[in-house]
Amino acid sequence: MEKKLKLQVNHLTRIFESNGNTVTALRDVNLEVRESEFVMIVGPSGCGKTTLINVIGGLDTATEGEVLLDGKPVAGPGADRGMVFQGYSLFPWLTVQKNVEFGLKMKKVPAAQRAEQARKYIELVGLTGFENALPKQLSGGMKQRVAIARTLANEPEVLLMDEPFGALDAQTRVVMQELLAKISATTGTTILFITHDIDEAVLLGQRIYVMSRRPGTIRSVLDVDLPGERSHNSLVLPEFLAIKKDIMDMLWQESNDAAMDR
């Protein structure tokens, strides 16, 4: 049985105008994310990936087209969409526990309930025992775990992630990817994830949208069906390598064409 359609982007175009100059960042972008689906967007640098997720998150507005969540137009930021960025955006004066509770406190959730909710997600991201630590006492990977826990604690309809592991070293990045794959399987959270890393896209995604060079549009959509649990072991599977090559060839072509356009 096909899952419910959760998020739709229909014919989205975003044009920026400044000092008499016009730049088309996105052109006629269409994509769909179904309930509990983990969808990746990958594309060459400057193709408008971050612009796209900002429009979906309500932080920017489309010039043309629409974004629908559960069939209703997105008209600005909302608690139904949780966002995780490359920067951790933690409050340095608050403990891990208080950082994760912050959004719940803003929603006026009672203290005992928000403390319990925060502990649940702190455990989910593997930080039990660090509830009273300050951000300065944590590694980069641990800070990003806190950021993910804080977002999940608000139980958004869709989790939007923009290069969340981009600042991490290679080994920590793989650990975080495995953690996120397990969180996705455990919670069934609907996730839309932006990355420039092809390995990351294939490792995590159930479906991958490949974008063209600017003005960014959807060049291809690939389904990913890897055997077994997603982990670092998946990186050497024949199925993984075949999809990776397809994406590499597409992005090489886009980058080459972009160079020829200059």
C-alpha atoms as a PDB file:
ATOM      1  CA  MET A   1       0.000   0.000   0.000  1.00  0.00           C
ATOM      2  CA  GLU A   2       1.444   3.365  -1.062  1.00  0.00           C
ATOM      3  CA  LYS A   3       2.129   5.797   1.767  1.00  0.00           C
ATOM      4  CA  LYS A   4       0.309   9.098   2.133  1.00  0.00           C
ATOM      5  CA  LEU A   5       1.715  12.069   0.238  1.00  0.00           C
ATOM      6  CA  LYS A   6       3.171  14.371   2.901  1.00  0.00           C
ATOM      7  CA  LEU A   7       5.074  17.137   1.123  1.00  0.00           C
ATOM      8  CA  GLN A   8       4.707  18.476  -2.415  1.00  0.00           C
ATOM      9  CA  VAL A   9       6.685  21.086  -4.315  1.00  0.00           C
ATOM     10  CA  ASN A  10       4.849  22.129  -7.472  1.00  0.00           C
ATOM     11  CA  HIS A  11       6.441  24.130 -10.307  1.00  0.00           C
ATOM     12  CA  LEU A  12       8.566  26.144  -7.886  1.00  0.00           C
ATOM     13  CA  THR A  13      10.676  28.982  -9.298  1.00  0.00           C
ATOM     14  CA  ARG A  14      12.760  31.424  -7.260  1.00  0.00           C
ATOM     15  CA  ILE A  15      14.164  34.563  -8.864  1.00  0.00           C
ATOM     16  CA  PHE A  16      16.385  37.019  -6.986  1.00  0.00           C
ATOM     17  CA  GLU A  17      16.675  40.650  -8.050  1.00  0.00           C
ATOM     18  CA  SER A  18      19.369  43.011  -6.754  1.00  0.00           C
ATOM     19  CA  ASN A  19      20.750  46.254  -8.126  1.00  0.00           C
ATOM     20  CA  GLY A  20      19.091  45.686 -11.464  1.00  0.00           C
ATOM     21  CA  ASN A  21      20.448  42.156 -11.814  1.00  0.00           C
ATOM     22  CA  THR A  22      18.197  39.108 -12.037  1.00  0.00           C
ATOM     23  CA  VAL A  23      19.314  35.635 -10.982  1.00  0.00           C
ATOM     24  CA  THR A  24      17.083  32.596 -11.404  1.00  0.00           C
ATOM     25  CA  ALA A  25      18.122  30.243  -8.597  1.00  0.00           C
ATOM     26  CA  LEU A  26      15.395  27.610  -9.119  1.00  0.00           C
ATOM     27  CA  ARG A  27      13.242  26.889 -12.147  1.00  0.00           C
ATOM     28  CA  ASP A  28      10.121  24.703 -12.250  1.00  0.00           C
ATOM     29  CA  VAL A  29      11.129  22.373  -9.415  1.00  0.00           C
ATOM     30  CA  ASN A  30       8.742  19.502  -8.672  1.00  0.00           C
ATOM     31  CA  LEU A  31       9.189  16.904  -5.945  1.00  0.00           C
ATOM     32  CA  GLU A  32       7.202  14.718  -3.569  1.00  0.00           C
ATOM     33  CA  VAL A  33       7.918  13.209  -0.155  1.00  0.00           C
ATOM     34  CA  ARG A  34       5.640  10.541   1.277  1.00  0.00           C
ATOM     35  CA  GLU A  35       4.932   9.912   4.952  1.00  0.00           C
ATOM     36  CA  SER A  36       7.888   8.340   6.831  1.00  0.00           C
ATOM     37  CA  GLU A  37      10.030   8.558   3.687  1.00  0.00           C
ATOM     38  CA  PHE A  38      13.725   9.569   3.759  1.00  0.00           C
ATOM     39  CA  VAL A  39      14.365  11.667   0.648  1.00  0.00           C
ATOM     40  CA  MET A  40      17.695  13.184  -0.392  1.00  0.00           C
ATOM     41  CA  ILE A  41      18.445  16.113  -2.678  1.00  0.00           C
ATOM     42  CA  VAL A  42      21.906  16.233  -4.232  1.00  0.00           C
ATOM     43  CA  GLY A  43      23.316  18.596  -6.824  1.00  0.00           C
ATOM     44  CA  PRO A  44      26.304  20.651  -7.901  1.00  0.00           C
ATOM     45  CA  SER A  45      27.432  23.665  -5.862  1.00  0.00           C
ATOM     46  CA  GLY A  46      25.280  26.721  -6.473  1.00  0.00           C
ATOM     47  CA  CYS A  47      22.318  24.792  -7.876  1.00  0.00           C
ATOM     48  CA  GLY A  48      19.871  26.219  -5.331  1.00  0.00           C
ATOM     49  CA  LYS A  49      19.583  23.322  -2.843  1.00  0.00           C
ATOM     50  CA  THR A  50      19.608  25.592   0.206  1.00  0.00           C
ATOM     51  CA  THR A  51      17.233  28.068  -1.442  1.00  0.00           C
ATOM     52  CA  LEU A  52      14.830  25.184  -2.062  1.00  0.00           C
ATOM     53  CA  ILE A  53      14.850  23.938   1.523  1.00  0.00           C
ATOM     54  CA  ASN A  54      14.504  27.503   2.828  1.00  0.00           C
ATOM     55  CA  VAL A  55      11.346  27.947   0.735  1.00  0.00           C
ATOM     56  CA  ILE A  56       9.987  24.607   1.982  1.00  0.00           C
ATOM     57  CA  GLY A  57      10.810  25.634   5.556  1.00  0.00           C
ATOM     58  CA  GLY A  58       9.041  28.975   5.127  1.00  0.00           C
ATOM     59  CA  LEU A  59      12.230  31.024   5.526  1.00  0.00           C
ATOM     60  CA  ASP A  60      11.985  32.257   1.935  1.00  0.00           C
ATOM     61  CA  THR A  61       9.154  32.660  -0.556  1.00  0.00           C
ATOM     62  CA  ALA A  62       8.793  31.271  -4.066  1.00  0.00           C
ATOM     63  CA  THR A  63       8.513  33.609  -7.042  1.00  0.00           C
ATOM     64  CA  GLU A  64       6.210  31.075  -8.689  1.00  0.00           C
ATOM     65  CA  GLY A  65       4.779  27.712  -7.685  1.00  0.00           C
ATOM     66  CA  GLU A  66       3.761  26.313  -4.324  1.00  0.00           C
ATOM     67  CA  VAL A  67       4.751  24.093  -1.405  1.00  0.00           C
ATOM     68  CA  LEU A  68       2.047  21.898   0.130  1.00  0.00           C
ATOM     69  CA  LEU A  69       2.193  20.069   3.451  1.00  0.00           C
ATOM     70  CA  ASP A  70      -0.648  17.578   3.867  1.00  0.00           C
ATOM     71  CA  GLY A  71      -2.275  19.316   0.904  1.00  0.00           C
ATOM     72  CA  LYS A  72      -2.206  22.765   2.552  1.00  0.00           C
ATOM     73  CA  PRO A  73      -0.037  25.648   1.272  1.00  0.00           C
ATOM     74  CA  VAL A  74       3.062  26.543   3.288  1.00  0.00           C
ATOM     75  CA  ALA A  75       2.905  30.257   4.121  1.00  0.00           C
ATOM     76  CA  GLY A  76       5.870  30.776   6.433  1.00  0.00           C
ATOM     77  CA  PRO A  77       7.783  28.994   9.188  1.00  0.00           C
ATOM     78  CA  GLY A  78       5.852  26.549  11.351  1.00  0.00           C
ATOM     79  CA  ALA A  79       6.283  23.926  14.051  1.00  0.00           C
ATOM     80  CA  ASP A  80       5.146  21.311  11.532  1.00  0.00           C
ATOM     81  CA  ARG A  81       8.566  21.622   9.860  1.00  0.00           C
ATOM     82  CA  GLY A  82      11.686  21.172  11.975  1.00  0.00           C
ATOM     83  CA  MET A  83      14.981  22.385  10.525  1.00  0.00           C
ATOM     84  CA  VAL A  84      18.538  21.235  11.241  1.00  0.00           C
ATOM     85  CA  PHE A  85      21.414  23.178   9.712  1.00  0.00           C
ATOM     86  CA  GLN A  86      25.166  22.654   9.454  1.00  0.00           C
ATOM     87  CA  GLY A  87      25.636  25.119  12.306  1.00  0.00           C
ATOM     88  CA  TYR A  88      24.451  23.697  15.604  1.00  0.00           C
ATOM     89  CA  SER A  89      22.693  26.872  16.817  1.00  0.00           C
ATOM     90  CA  LEU A  90      22.784  25.737  20.440  1.00  0.00           C
ATOM     91  CA  PHE A  91      22.450  28.172  23.316  1.00  0.00           C
ATOM     92  CA  PRO A  92      25.933  28.102  24.899  1.00  0.00           C
ATOM     93  CA  TRP A  93      24.640  28.994  28.380  1.00  0.00           C
ATOM     94  CA  LEU A  94      22.098  26.150  28.467  1.00  0.00           C
ATOM     95  CA  THR A  95      22.794  22.518  29.271  1.00  0.00           C
ATOM     96  CA  VAL A  96      22.031  19.712  26.834  1.00  0.00           C
ATOM     97  CA  GLN A  97      18.773  19.049  28.703  1.00  0.00           C
ATOM     98  CA  LYS A  98      17.699  22.696  28.612  1.00  0.00           C
ATOM     99  CA  ASN A  99      18.677  23.095  24.944  1.00  0.00           C
ATOM    100  CA  VAL A 100      16.513  20.130  23.982  1.00  0.00           C
ATOM    101  CA  GLU A 101      13.656  21.426  26.143  1.00  0.00           C
ATOM    102  CA  PHE A 102      13.815  24.940  24.688  1.00  0.00           C
ATOM    103  CA  GLY A 103      11.220  24.594  21.926  1.00  0.00           C
ATOM    104  CA  LEU A 104       8.865  22.752  24.247  1.00  0.00           C
ATOM    105  CA  LYS A 105       9.216  25.537  26.798  1.00  0.00           C
ATOM    106  CA  MET A 106       8.318  28.098  24.122  1.00  0.00           C
ATOM    107  CA  LYS A 107       5.177  26.045  23.418  1.00  0.00           C
ATOM    108  CA  LYS A 108       4.384  26.209  27.163  1.00  0.00           C
ATOM    109  CA  VAL A 109       4.614  22.448  27.671  1.00  0.00           C
ATOM    110  CA  PRO A 110       4.561  21.770  31.447  1.00  0.00           C
ATOM    111  CA  ALA A 111       8.015  21.386  33.023  1.00  0.00           C
ATOM    112  CA  ALA A 112       7.709  17.707  33.979  1.00  0.00           C
ATOM    113  CA  GLN A 113       6.369  16.743  30.554  1.00  0.00           C
ATOM    114  CA  ARG A 114       9.023  18.628  28.604  1.00  0.00           C
ATOM    115  CA  ALA A 115      11.794  17.192  30.796  1.00  0.00           C
ATOM    116  CA  GLU A 116      10.546  13.674  30.092  1.00  0.00           C
ATOM    117  CA  GLN A 117      10.213  14.411  26.357  1.00  0.00           C
ATOM    118  CA  ALA A 118      13.728  15.844  26.232  1.00  0.00           C
ATOM    119  CA  ARG A 119      15.231  12.832  28.025  1.00  0.00           C
ATOM    120  CA  LYS A 120      13.510  10.533  25.520  1.00  0.00           C
ATOM    121  CA  TYR A 121      15.215  12.192  22.569  1.00  0.00           C
ATOM    122  CA  ILE A 122      18.526  12.647  24.350  1.00  0.00           C
ATOM    123  CA  GLU A 123      18.525   8.880  24.806  1.00  0.00           C
ATOM    124  CA  LEU A 124      17.520   8.377  21.174  1.00  0.00           C
ATOM    125  CA  VAL A 125      20.605  10.281  19.944  1.00  0.00           C
ATOM    126  CA  GLY A 126      22.895   8.477  22.368  1.00  0.00           C
ATOM    127  CA  LEU A 127      23.654  11.298  24.807  1.00  0.00           C
ATOM    128  CA  THR A 128      22.281   9.872  28.045  1.00  0.00           C
ATOM    129  CA  GLY A 129      24.671  10.950  30.784  1.00  0.00           C
ATOM    130  CA  PHE A 130      25.401  14.319  29.143  1.00  0.00           C
ATOM    131  CA  GLU A 131      22.163  16.039  30.147  1.00  0.00           C
ATOM    132  CA  ASN A 132      23.978  18.560  32.358  1.00  0.00           C
ATOM    133  CA  ALA A 133      26.872  19.254  29.976  1.00  0.00           C
ATOM    134  CA  LEU A 134      27.257  22.633  28.284  1.00  0.00           C
ATOM    135  CA  PRO A 135      27.830  22.857  24.516  1.00  0.00           C
ATOM    136  CA  LYS A 136      31.467  23.904  25.005  1.00  0.00           C
ATOM    137  CA  GLN A 137      32.101  20.540  26.654  1.00  0.00           C
ATOM    138  CA  LEU A 138      30.867  18.596  23.613  1.00  0.00           C
ATOM    139  CA  SER A 139      32.481  17.522  20.354  1.00  0.00           C
ATOM    140  CA  GLY A 140      31.070  18.652  17.014  1.00  0.00           C
ATOM    141  CA  GLY A 141      29.246  15.371  16.506  1.00  0.00           C
ATOM    142  CA  MET A 142      27.729  15.551  19.978  1.00  0.00           C
ATOM    143  CA  LYS A 143      26.553  19.128  19.387  1.00  0.00           C
ATOM    144  CA  GLN A 144      24.815  18.036  16.210  1.00  0.00           C
ATOM    145  CA  ARG A 145      23.155  15.195  18.132  1.00  0.00           C
ATOM    146  CA  VAL A 146      21.773  17.790  20.545  1.00  0.00           C
ATOM    147  CA  ALA A 147      20.498  19.877  17.622  1.00  0.00           C
ATOM    148  CA  ILE A 148      18.752  16.834  16.153  1.00  0.00           C
ATOM    149  CA  ALA A 149      17.272  15.861  19.531  1.00  0.00           C
ATOM    150  CA  ARG A 150      15.998  19.407  20.073  1.00  0.00           C
ATOM    151  CA  THR A 151      14.263  19.403  16.695  1.00  0.00           C
ATOM    152  CA  LEU A 152      12.788  15.911  17.107  1.00  0.00           C
ATOM    153  CA  ALA A 153      11.532  16.724  20.615  1.00  0.00           C
ATOM    154  CA  ASN A 154       9.039  19.119  18.998  1.00  0.00           C
ATOM    155  CA  GLU A 155       7.776  16.166  16.913  1.00  0.00           C
ATOM    156  CA  PRO A 156       7.551  17.993  13.575  1.00  0.00           C
ATOM    157  CA  GLU A 157       5.573  16.576  10.661  1.00  0.00           C
ATOM    158  CA  VAL A 158       8.661  16.840   8.442  1.00  0.00           C
ATOM    159  CA  LEU A 159      12.345  17.115   9.360  1.00  0.00           C
ATOM    160  CA  LEU A 160      14.286  19.376   6.970  1.00  0.00           C
ATOM    161  CA  MET A 161      18.070  18.975   7.056  1.00  0.00           C
ATOM    162  CA  ASP A 162      20.506  21.231   5.191  1.00  0.00           C
ATOM    163  CA  GLU A 163      24.026  19.738   5.072  1.00  0.00           C
ATOM    164  CA  PRO A 164      23.810  18.914   8.813  1.00  0.00           C
ATOM    165  CA  PHE A 165      27.026  16.849   8.829  1.00  0.00           C
ATOM    166  CA  GLY A 166      29.034  19.044   6.468  1.00  0.00           C
ATOM    167  CA  ALA A 167      31.333  20.441   9.160  1.00  0.00           C
ATOM    168  CA  LEU A 168      32.181  17.059  10.713  1.00  0.00           C
ATOM    169  CA  ASP A 169      35.284  14.968  10.062  1.00  0.00           C
ATOM    170  CA  ALA A 170      34.840  11.948   7.798  1.00  0.00           C
ATOM    171  CA  GLN A 171      34.715   9.319  10.549  1.00  0.00           C
ATOM    172  CA  THR A 172      32.267  11.276  12.742  1.00  0.00           C
ATOM    173  CA  ARG A 173      30.162  11.959   9.679  1.00  0.00           C
ATOM    174  CA  VAL A 174      29.655   8.236   8.985  1.00  0.00           C
ATOM    175  CA  VAL A 175      28.775   7.643  12.648  1.00  0.00           C
ATOM    176  CA  MET A 176      26.156  10.403  12.457  1.00  0.00           C
ATOM    177  CA  GLN A 177      24.781   9.020   9.204  1.00  0.00           C
ATOM    178  CA  GLU A 178      24.311   5.599  10.789  1.00  0.00           C
ATOM    179  CA  LEU A 179      22.656   7.218  13.809  1.00  0.00           C
ATOM    180  CA  LEU A 180      20.249   9.178  11.622  1.00  0.00           C
ATOM    181  CA  ALA A 181      19.357   6.041   9.634  1.00  0.00           C
ATOM    182  CA  LYS A 182      18.475   4.302  12.909  1.00  0.00           C
ATOM    183  CA  ILE A 183      16.469   7.315  14.143  1.00  0.00           C
ATOM    184  CA  SER A 184      14.534   7.360  10.876  1.00  0.00           C
ATOM    185  CA  ALA A 185      13.754   3.640  11.163  1.00  0.00           C
ATOM    186  CA  THR A 186      12.797   3.986  14.845  1.00  0.00           C
ATOM    187  CA  THR A 187      10.621   7.102  14.707  1.00  0.00           C
ATOM    188  CA  GLY A 188       9.235   6.958  11.179  1.00  0.00           C
ATOM    189  CA  THR A 189       9.910  10.688  10.843  1.00  0.00           C
ATOM    190  CA  THR A 190       9.513  12.101   7.344  1.00  0.00           C
ATOM    191  CA  ILE A 191      12.904  13.533   6.328  1.00  0.00           C
ATOM    192  CA  LEU A 192      14.044  15.747   3.459  1.00  0.00           C
ATOM    193  CA  PHE A 193      17.835  16.044   3.491  1.00  0.00           C
ATOM    194  CA  ILE A 194      20.084  18.295   1.382  1.00  0.00           C
ATOM    195  CA  THR A 195      23.659  17.205   0.679  1.00  0.00           C
ATOM    196  CA  HIS A 196      26.489  17.611  -1.811  1.00  0.00           C
ATOM    197  CA  ASP A 197      27.970  14.284  -0.672  1.00  0.00           C
ATOM    198  CA  ILE A 198      26.998  11.446  -3.024  1.00  0.00           C
ATOM    199  CA  ASP A 199      27.922   8.680  -0.557  1.00  0.00           C
ATOM    200  CA  GLU A 200      25.690  10.309   2.049  1.00  0.00           C
ATOM    201  CA  ALA A 201      22.802  10.600  -0.402  1.00  0.00           C
ATOM    202  CA  VAL A 202      22.936   6.918  -1.377  1.00  0.00           C
ATOM    203  CA  LEU A 203      23.568   5.666   2.170  1.00  0.00           C
ATOM    204  CA  LEU A 204      20.603   7.472   3.712  1.00  0.00           C
ATOM    205  CA  GLY A 205      18.069   8.031   0.965  1.00  0.00           C
ATOM    206  CA  GLN A 206      15.142   5.865  -0.026  1.00  0.00           C
ATOM    207  CA  ARG A 207      14.778   8.208  -2.984  1.00  0.00           C
ATOM    208  CA  ILE A 208      17.222  10.748  -4.409  1.00  0.00           C
ATOM    209  CA  TYR A 209      16.418  13.875  -6.401  1.00  0.00           C
ATOM    210  CA  VAL A 210      19.396  14.952  -8.519  1.00  0.00           C
ATOM    211  CA  MET A 211      19.415  18.657  -9.371  1.00  0.00           C
ATOM    212  CA  SER A 212      20.890  20.372 -12.399  1.00  0.00           C
ATOM    213  CA  ARG A 213      23.297  23.291 -12.410  1.00  0.00           C
ATOM    214  CA  ARG A 214      21.778  26.763 -11.921  1.00  0.00           C
ATOM    215  CA  PRO A 215      19.019  27.547 -12.521  1.00  0.00           C
ATOM    216  CA  GLY A 216      18.356  24.457 -10.436  1.00  0.00           C
ATOM    217  CA  THR A 217      15.686  22.040 -11.540  1.00  0.00           C
ATOM    218  CA  ILE A 218      15.167  18.309 -11.037  1.00  0.00           C
ATOM    219  CA  ARG A 219      17.311  16.383 -13.513  1.00  0.00           C
ATOM    220  CA  SER A 220      16.579  12.850 -12.308  1.00  0.00           C
ATOM    221  CA  VAL A 221      14.883  10.848  -9.555  1.00  0.00           C
ATOM    222  CA  LEU A 222      16.472   7.605  -8.342  1.00  0.00           C
ATOM    223  CA  ASP A 223      14.988   4.954  -6.063  1.00  0.00           C
ATOM    224  CA  VAL A 224      17.449   3.371  -3.626  1.00  0.00           C
ATOM    225  CA  ASP A 225      16.881  -0.221  -2.553  1.00  0.00           C
ATOM    226  CA  LEU A 226      19.866  -1.470  -0.571  1.00  0.00           C
ATOM    227  CA  PRO A 227      19.785  -4.843   1.187  1.00  0.00           C
ATOM    228  CA  GLY A 228      19.987  -4.940   4.987  1.00  0.00           C
ATOM    229  CA  GLU A 229      20.355  -2.152   7.531  1.00  0.00           C
ATOM    230  CA  ARG A 230      21.987   1.062   6.317  1.00  0.00           C
ATOM    231  CA  SER A 231      25.513   1.297   7.764  1.00  0.00           C
ATOM    232  CA  HIS A 232      29.131   1.859   6.718  1.00  0.00           C
ATOM    233  CA  ASN A 233      29.041  -1.675   5.317  1.00  0.00           C
ATOM    234  CA  SER A 234      26.548  -0.465   2.713  1.00  0.00           C
ATOM    235  CA  LEU A 235      29.242   1.718   1.125  1.00  0.00           C
ATOM    236  CA  VAL A 236      30.831  -1.252  -0.684  1.00  0.00           C
ATOM    237  CA  LEU A 237      27.676  -3.007  -1.890  1.00  0.00           C
ATOM    238  CA  PRO A 238      27.384  -3.412  -5.689  1.00  0.00           C
ATOM    239  CA  GLU A 239      23.936  -1.788  -5.568  1.00  0.00           C
ATOM    240  CA  PHE A 240      25.390   1.196  -3.693  1.00  0.00           C
ATOM    241  CA  LEU A 241      28.285   1.619  -6.122  1.00  0.00           C
ATOM    242  CA  ALA A 242      26.025   1.407  -9.185  1.00  0.00           C
ATOM    243  CA  ILE A 243      23.750   4.214  -7.941  1.00  0.00           C
ATOM    244  CA  LYS A 244      26.765   6.275  -6.858  1.00  0.00           C
ATOM    245  CA  LYS A 245      28.242   6.015 -10.353  1.00  0.00           C
ATOM    246  CA  ASP A 246      24.982   7.103 -11.972  1.00  0.00           C
ATOM    247  CA  ILE A 247      24.884  10.229  -9.775  1.00  0.00           C
ATOM    248  CA  MET A 248      28.587  10.955 -10.266  1.00  0.00           C
ATOM    249  CA  ASP A 249      28.129  10.824 -14.047  1.00  0.00           C
ATOM    250  CA  MET A 250      25.148  13.202 -13.884  1.00  0.00           C
ATOM    251  CA  LEU A 251      26.905  15.701 -11.624  1.00  0.00           C
ATOM    252  CA  TRP A 252      30.100  15.541 -13.692  1.00  0.00           C
ATOM    253  CA  GLN A 253      28.036  16.392 -16.773  1.00  0.00           C
ATOM    254  CA  GLU A 254      26.327  19.279 -14.975  1.00  0.00           C
ATOM    255  CA  SER A 255      29.645  20.674 -13.716  1.00  0.00           C
ATOM    256  CA  ASN A 256      31.237  20.282 -17.135  1.00  0.00           C
ATOM    257  CA  ASP A 257      28.324  22.030 -18.833  1.00  0.00           C
ATOM    258  CA  ALA A 258      28.461  24.821 -16.255  1.00  0.00           C
ATOM    259  CA  ALA A 259      32.153  25.364 -17.011  1.00  0.00           C
ATOM    260  CA  MET A 260      31.386  25.506 -20.738  1.00  0.00           C
ATOM    261  CA  ASP A 261      28.663  28.092 -20.094  1.00  0.00           C
ATOM    262  CA  ARG A 262      31.093  30.553 -18.502  1.00  0.00           C
END
